C-alpha atoms as a PDB file:
ATOM      1  CA  MET A   1      -0.290  23.446 -10.820  1.00  0.00           C
ATOM      2  CA  ARG A   2      -3.381  22.888  -8.691  1.00  0.00           C
ATOM      3  CA  ILE A   3      -5.079  19.492  -8.905  1.00  0.00           C
ATOM      4  CA  THR A   4      -7.664  17.544  -6.945  1.00  0.00           C
ATOM      5  CA  LEU A   5      -6.830  14.052  -5.733  1.00  0.00           C
ATOM      6  CA  ARG A   6      -9.374  11.695  -4.175  1.00  0.00           C
ATOM      7  CA  VAL A   7      -7.428  10.270  -1.234  1.00  0.00           C
ATOM      8  CA  ASN A   8      -8.982   7.881   1.267  1.00  0.00           C
ATOM      9  CA  GLY A   9     -12.444   8.861   0.078  1.00  0.00           C
ATOM     10  CA  SER A  10     -12.006  12.639   0.315  1.00  0.00           C
ATOM     11  CA  PRO A  11     -11.189  15.173  -2.401  1.00  0.00           C
ATOM     12  CA  ARG A  12      -7.943  16.981  -1.630  1.00  0.00           C
ATOM     13  CA  ASP A  13      -6.837  20.097  -3.523  1.00  0.00           C
ATOM     14  CA  VAL A  14      -3.054  20.259  -3.764  1.00  0.00           C
ATOM     15  CA  ASP A  15      -0.389  22.257  -5.554  1.00  0.00           C
ATOM     16  CA  VAL A  16       2.046  19.981  -7.368  1.00  0.00           C
ATOM     17  CA  ALA A  17       4.981  20.266  -9.709  1.00  0.00           C
ATOM     18  CA  PRO A  18       4.365  18.607 -13.102  1.00  0.00           C
ATOM     19  CA  ALA A  19       6.693  15.652 -12.409  1.00  0.00           C
ATOM     20  CA  GLU A  20       6.036  15.352  -8.656  1.00  0.00           C
ATOM     21  CA  SER A  21       5.460  11.818  -7.428  1.00  0.00           C
ATOM     22  CA  LEU A  22       2.278  10.704  -5.745  1.00  0.00           C
ATOM     23  CA  LEU A  23       4.448   9.566  -2.819  1.00  0.00           C
ATOM     24  CA  SER A  24       5.812  13.064  -2.325  1.00  0.00           C
ATOM     25  CA  VAL A  25       2.327  14.578  -2.334  1.00  0.00           C
ATOM     26  CA  LEU A  26       0.990  11.973   0.090  1.00  0.00           C
ATOM     27  CA  ARG A  27       3.843  12.325   2.577  1.00  0.00           C
ATOM     28  CA  ASP A  28       4.965  15.935   2.260  1.00  0.00           C
ATOM     29  CA  THR A  29       1.783  17.782   1.329  1.00  0.00           C
ATOM     30  CA  LEU A  30      -1.000  15.659   2.826  1.00  0.00           C
ATOM     31  CA  HIS A  31       1.107  14.372   5.761  1.00  0.00           C
ATOM     32  CA  LEU A  32       0.027  10.759   5.228  1.00  0.00           C
ATOM     33  CA  THR A  33       3.301   9.265   6.376  1.00  0.00           C
ATOM     34  CA  GLY A  34       2.178   5.631   6.582  1.00  0.00           C
ATOM     35  CA  THR A  35       3.275   5.264   2.970  1.00  0.00           C
ATOM     36  CA  LYS A  36       7.061   4.925   3.125  1.00  0.00           C
ATOM     37  CA  TYR A  37       9.873   6.117   0.895  1.00  0.00           C
ATOM     38  CA  GLY A  38      12.235   3.230   0.247  1.00  0.00           C
ATOM     39  CA  CYS A  39      14.241   3.087  -2.952  1.00  0.00           C
ATOM     40  CA  GLY A  40      12.524   5.750  -5.061  1.00  0.00           C
ATOM     41  CA  GLU A  41      12.738   3.414  -8.062  1.00  0.00           C
ATOM     42  CA  GLY A  42       9.630   1.231  -7.644  1.00  0.00           C
ATOM     43  CA  GLN A  43      11.703  -1.791  -6.668  1.00  0.00           C
ATOM     44  CA  CYS A  44      11.120  -2.161  -2.910  1.00  0.00           C
ATOM     45  CA  GLY A  45       7.367  -1.670  -2.547  1.00  0.00           C
ATOM     46  CA  ALA A  46       7.503   0.391   0.657  1.00  0.00           C
ATOM     47  CA  CYS A  47       5.491   3.105  -1.114  1.00  0.00           C
ATOM     48  CA  THR A  48       2.677   0.849  -2.352  1.00  0.00           C
ATOM     49  CA  VAL A  49      -0.807   2.362  -2.298  1.00  0.00           C
ATOM     50  CA  LEU A  50      -4.015   1.377  -4.042  1.00  0.00           C
ATOM     51  CA  VAL A  51      -5.114   3.375  -7.069  1.00  0.00           C
ATOM     52  CA  ASP A  52      -8.549   2.303  -8.244  1.00  0.00           C
ATOM     53  CA  GLY A  53      -7.989  -0.863  -6.215  1.00  0.00           C
ATOM     54  CA  GLN A  54      -4.699  -1.800  -7.869  1.00  0.00           C
ATOM     55  CA  ALA A  55      -1.325  -1.856  -6.109  1.00  0.00           C
ATOM     56  CA  VAL A  56       0.783   1.051  -7.379  1.00  0.00           C
ATOM     57  CA  LYS A  57       4.314   2.090  -6.438  1.00  0.00           C
ATOM     58  CA  SER A  58       3.599   5.707  -5.528  1.00  0.00           C
ATOM     59  CA  CYS A  59       7.237   6.779  -5.904  1.00  0.00           C
ATOM     60  CA  GLN A  60       6.928   6.141  -9.641  1.00  0.00           C
ATOM     61  CA  ALA A  61       3.393   7.460 -10.167  1.00  0.00           C
ATOM     62  CA  ARG A  62       3.057  11.111 -11.103  1.00  0.00           C
ATOM     63  CA  ALA A  63       0.538  12.909  -8.936  1.00  0.00           C
ATOM     64  CA  THR A  64      -0.889  14.786 -11.934  1.00  0.00           C
ATOM     65  CA  GLN A  65      -1.878  11.482 -13.553  1.00  0.00           C
ATOM     66  CA  GLN A  66      -3.918  10.374 -10.514  1.00  0.00           C
ATOM     67  CA  GLN A  67      -6.765  12.868 -10.855  1.00  0.00           C
ATOM     68  CA  ASN A  68     -10.227  11.245 -11.034  1.00  0.00           C
ATOM     69  CA  LYS A  69      -8.849   8.056  -9.502  1.00  0.00           C
ATOM     70  CA  SER A  70      -9.452   6.621  -6.052  1.00  0.00           C
ATOM     71  CA  ILE A  71      -6.235   6.616  -4.011  1.00  0.00           C
ATOM     72  CA  GLN A  72      -6.158   4.555  -0.838  1.00  0.00           C
ATOM     73  CA  THR A  73      -3.341   4.624   1.722  1.00  0.00           C
ATOM     74  CA  ILE A  74      -2.678   2.498   4.797  1.00  0.00           C
ATOM     75  CA  GLU A  75      -4.309   5.228   6.919  1.00  0.00           C
ATOM     76  CA  SER A  76      -7.707   4.429   5.400  1.00  0.00           C
ATOM     77  CA  LEU A  77      -7.890   0.789   6.501  1.00  0.00           C
ATOM     78  CA  GLU A  78      -8.887   1.120  10.165  1.00  0.00           C
ATOM     79  CA  LYS A  79     -12.616   1.740  10.616  1.00  0.00           C
ATOM     80  CA  ASP A  80     -14.155   2.709  13.953  1.00  0.00           C
ATOM     81  CA  GLY A  81     -11.217   1.306  15.894  1.00  0.00           C
ATOM     82  CA  ARG A  82     -11.215  -1.992  13.972  1.00  0.00           C
ATOM     83  CA  LEU A  83      -8.246  -2.998  11.878  1.00  0.00           C
ATOM     84  CA  HIS A  84      -8.648  -4.360   8.364  1.00  0.00           C
ATOM     85  CA  PRO A  85      -8.547  -8.203   8.287  1.00  0.00           C
ATOM     86  CA  VAL A  86      -5.123  -8.115   6.599  1.00  0.00           C
ATOM     87  CA  GLN A  87      -3.776  -5.816   9.309  1.00  0.00           C
ATOM     88  CA  ARG A  88      -5.158  -8.131  12.003  1.00  0.00           C
ATOM     89  CA  ALA A  89      -3.590 -11.162  10.295  1.00  0.00           C
ATOM     90  CA  PHE A  90      -0.200  -9.417  10.102  1.00  0.00           C
ATOM     91  CA  LEU A  91      -0.381  -8.762  13.837  1.00  0.00           C
ATOM     92  CA  GLN A  92      -1.519 -12.295  14.688  1.00  0.00           C
ATOM     93  CA  HIS A  93       1.285 -13.847  12.614  1.00  0.00           C
ATOM     94  CA  GLU A  94       3.891 -11.304  13.742  1.00  0.00           C
ATOM     95  CA  ALA A  95       4.536 -10.666  10.059  1.00  0.00           C
ATOM     96  CA  MET A  96       6.778  -7.695  10.681  1.00  0.00           C
ATOM     97  CA  GLN A  97       9.930  -6.847  12.553  1.00  0.00           C
ATOM     98  CA  CYS A  98      11.121  -3.337  11.820  1.00  0.00           C
ATOM     99  CA  GLY A  99       7.777  -2.566  10.159  1.00  0.00           C
ATOM    100  CA  TYR A 100       9.134  -0.383   7.381  1.00  0.00           C
ATOM    101  CA  CYS A 101       7.843  -2.601   4.577  1.00  0.00           C
ATOM    102  CA  THR A 102       4.578  -3.445   6.341  1.00  0.00           C
ATOM    103  CA  PRO A 103       2.287  -0.721   4.921  1.00  0.00           C
ATOM    104  CA  GLY A 104       3.336  -1.548   1.363  1.00  0.00           C
ATOM    105  CA  MET A 105       3.037  -5.289   1.981  1.00  0.00           C
ATOM    106  CA  ILE A 106      -0.450  -4.859   3.429  1.00  0.00           C
ATOM    107  CA  MET A 107      -1.629  -2.692   0.542  1.00  0.00           C
ATOM    108  CA  ALA A 108      -0.216  -5.147  -2.018  1.00  0.00           C
ATOM    109  CA  ALA A 109      -1.900  -8.025  -0.155  1.00  0.00           C
ATOM    110  CA  ILE A 110      -5.257  -6.236  -0.183  1.00  0.00           C
ATOM    111  CA  SER A 111      -4.949  -5.660  -3.923  1.00  0.00           C
ATOM    112  CA  LEU A 112      -4.175  -9.354  -4.425  1.00  0.00           C
ATOM    113  CA  LEU A 113      -7.069 -10.540  -2.244  1.00  0.00           C
ATOM    114  CA  THR A 114      -9.470  -8.283  -4.122  1.00  0.00           C
ATOM    115  CA  THR A 115      -8.745 -10.079  -7.384  1.00  0.00           C
ATOM    116  CA  THR A 116      -7.752 -13.493  -5.993  1.00  0.00           C
ATOM    117  CA  PRO A 117      -9.695 -14.212  -2.798  1.00  0.00           C
ATOM    118  CA  HIS A 118      -7.906 -17.520  -2.101  1.00  0.00           C
ATOM    119  CA  PRO A 119      -4.388 -17.191  -3.523  1.00  0.00           C
ATOM    120  CA  THR A 120      -1.821 -19.960  -3.635  1.00  0.00           C
ATOM    121  CA  ASP A 121       1.649 -19.468  -2.203  1.00  0.00           C
ATOM    122  CA  ALA A 122       2.880 -18.929  -5.768  1.00  0.00           C
ATOM    123  CA  ALA A 123       0.264 -16.233  -6.413  1.00  0.00           C
ATOM    124  CA  ILE A 124       1.206 -14.479  -3.175  1.00  0.00           C
ATOM    125  CA  ALA A 125       4.901 -14.628  -4.084  1.00  0.00           C
ATOM    126  CA  LYS A 126       4.187 -13.197  -7.532  1.00  0.00           C
ATOM    127  CA  ALA A 127       1.978 -10.393  -6.163  1.00  0.00           C
ATOM    128  CA  LEU A 128       4.634  -9.419  -3.605  1.00  0.00           C
ATOM    129  CA  ASP A 129       7.590  -9.898  -5.959  1.00  0.00           C
ATOM    130  CA  LYS A 130       8.455  -6.176  -5.889  1.00  0.00           C
ATOM    131  CA  ASN A 131       7.866  -5.746  -2.147  1.00  0.00           C
ATOM    132  CA  LEU A 132      11.040  -6.300  -0.179  1.00  0.00           C
ATOM    133  CA  CYS A 133      11.337  -7.164   3.499  1.00  0.00           C
ATOM    134  CA  ARG A 134      14.872  -6.645   4.729  1.00  0.00           C
ATOM    135  CA  CYS A 135      14.051  -8.496   7.957  1.00  0.00           C
ATOM    136  CA  GLY A 136      13.106 -11.633   6.008  1.00  0.00           C
ATOM    137  CA  THR A 137       9.668 -12.277   7.492  1.00  0.00           C
ATOM    138  CA  TYR A 138       8.347 -13.651   4.197  1.00  0.00           C
ATOM    139  CA  PRO A 139       7.033 -16.968   5.626  1.00  0.00           C
ATOM    140  CA  ARG A 140       4.996 -15.067   8.223  1.00  0.00           C
ATOM    141  CA  ILE A 141       3.789 -12.570   5.610  1.00  0.00           C
ATOM    142  CA  VAL A 142       2.558 -15.418   3.381  1.00  0.00           C
ATOM    143  CA  ALA A 143       0.888 -17.100   6.370  1.00  0.00           C
ATOM    144  CA  ALA A 144      -0.828 -13.826   7.312  1.00  0.00           C
ATOM    145  CA  ILE A 145      -2.161 -13.297   3.801  1.00  0.00           C
ATOM    146  CA  LYS A 146      -3.459 -16.867   3.624  1.00  0.00           C
ATOM    147  CA  ASP A 147      -5.095 -16.434   7.034  1.00  0.00           C
ATOM    148  CA  ALA A 148      -6.746 -13.162   5.951  1.00  0.00           C
ATOM    149  CA  ALA A 149      -7.979 -14.912   2.799  1.00  0.00           C
ATOM    150  CA  ASN A 150      -9.631 -17.621   4.867  1.00  0.00           C
ATOM    151  CA  GLY A 151     -11.469 -15.032   6.910  1.00  0.00           C
END
């Protein structure tokens, strides 16, 4: 079936299967590979994108149900050569090692900071509860998010 998705501010016409995941469309059809495939079960957070500003595990979201919604991927954050404040904070705090979880962590952090501009450590932990970092850089991730929150 042919649908239109609004991805990173642009309408994109795509052919999708009825049960196809948003992740599959983003990576395989639109070639936006910053969003990662991790577990495929919505448990690791590597595939997190923003849908209408909310963190969504794109491996579990059906593409057909995302029409008329604003979808934002990690590729949309850089503007005119300037990284998003959360991206800059992740770099400054070296909040990544292998980097596989980083796009999902950043998108989840942006969603959190949109609703909670100055989160506590507990709020950050809760917001990132379903985002796993196999390298264990959680203390640096929390520090980066707090730094981004403080501007």
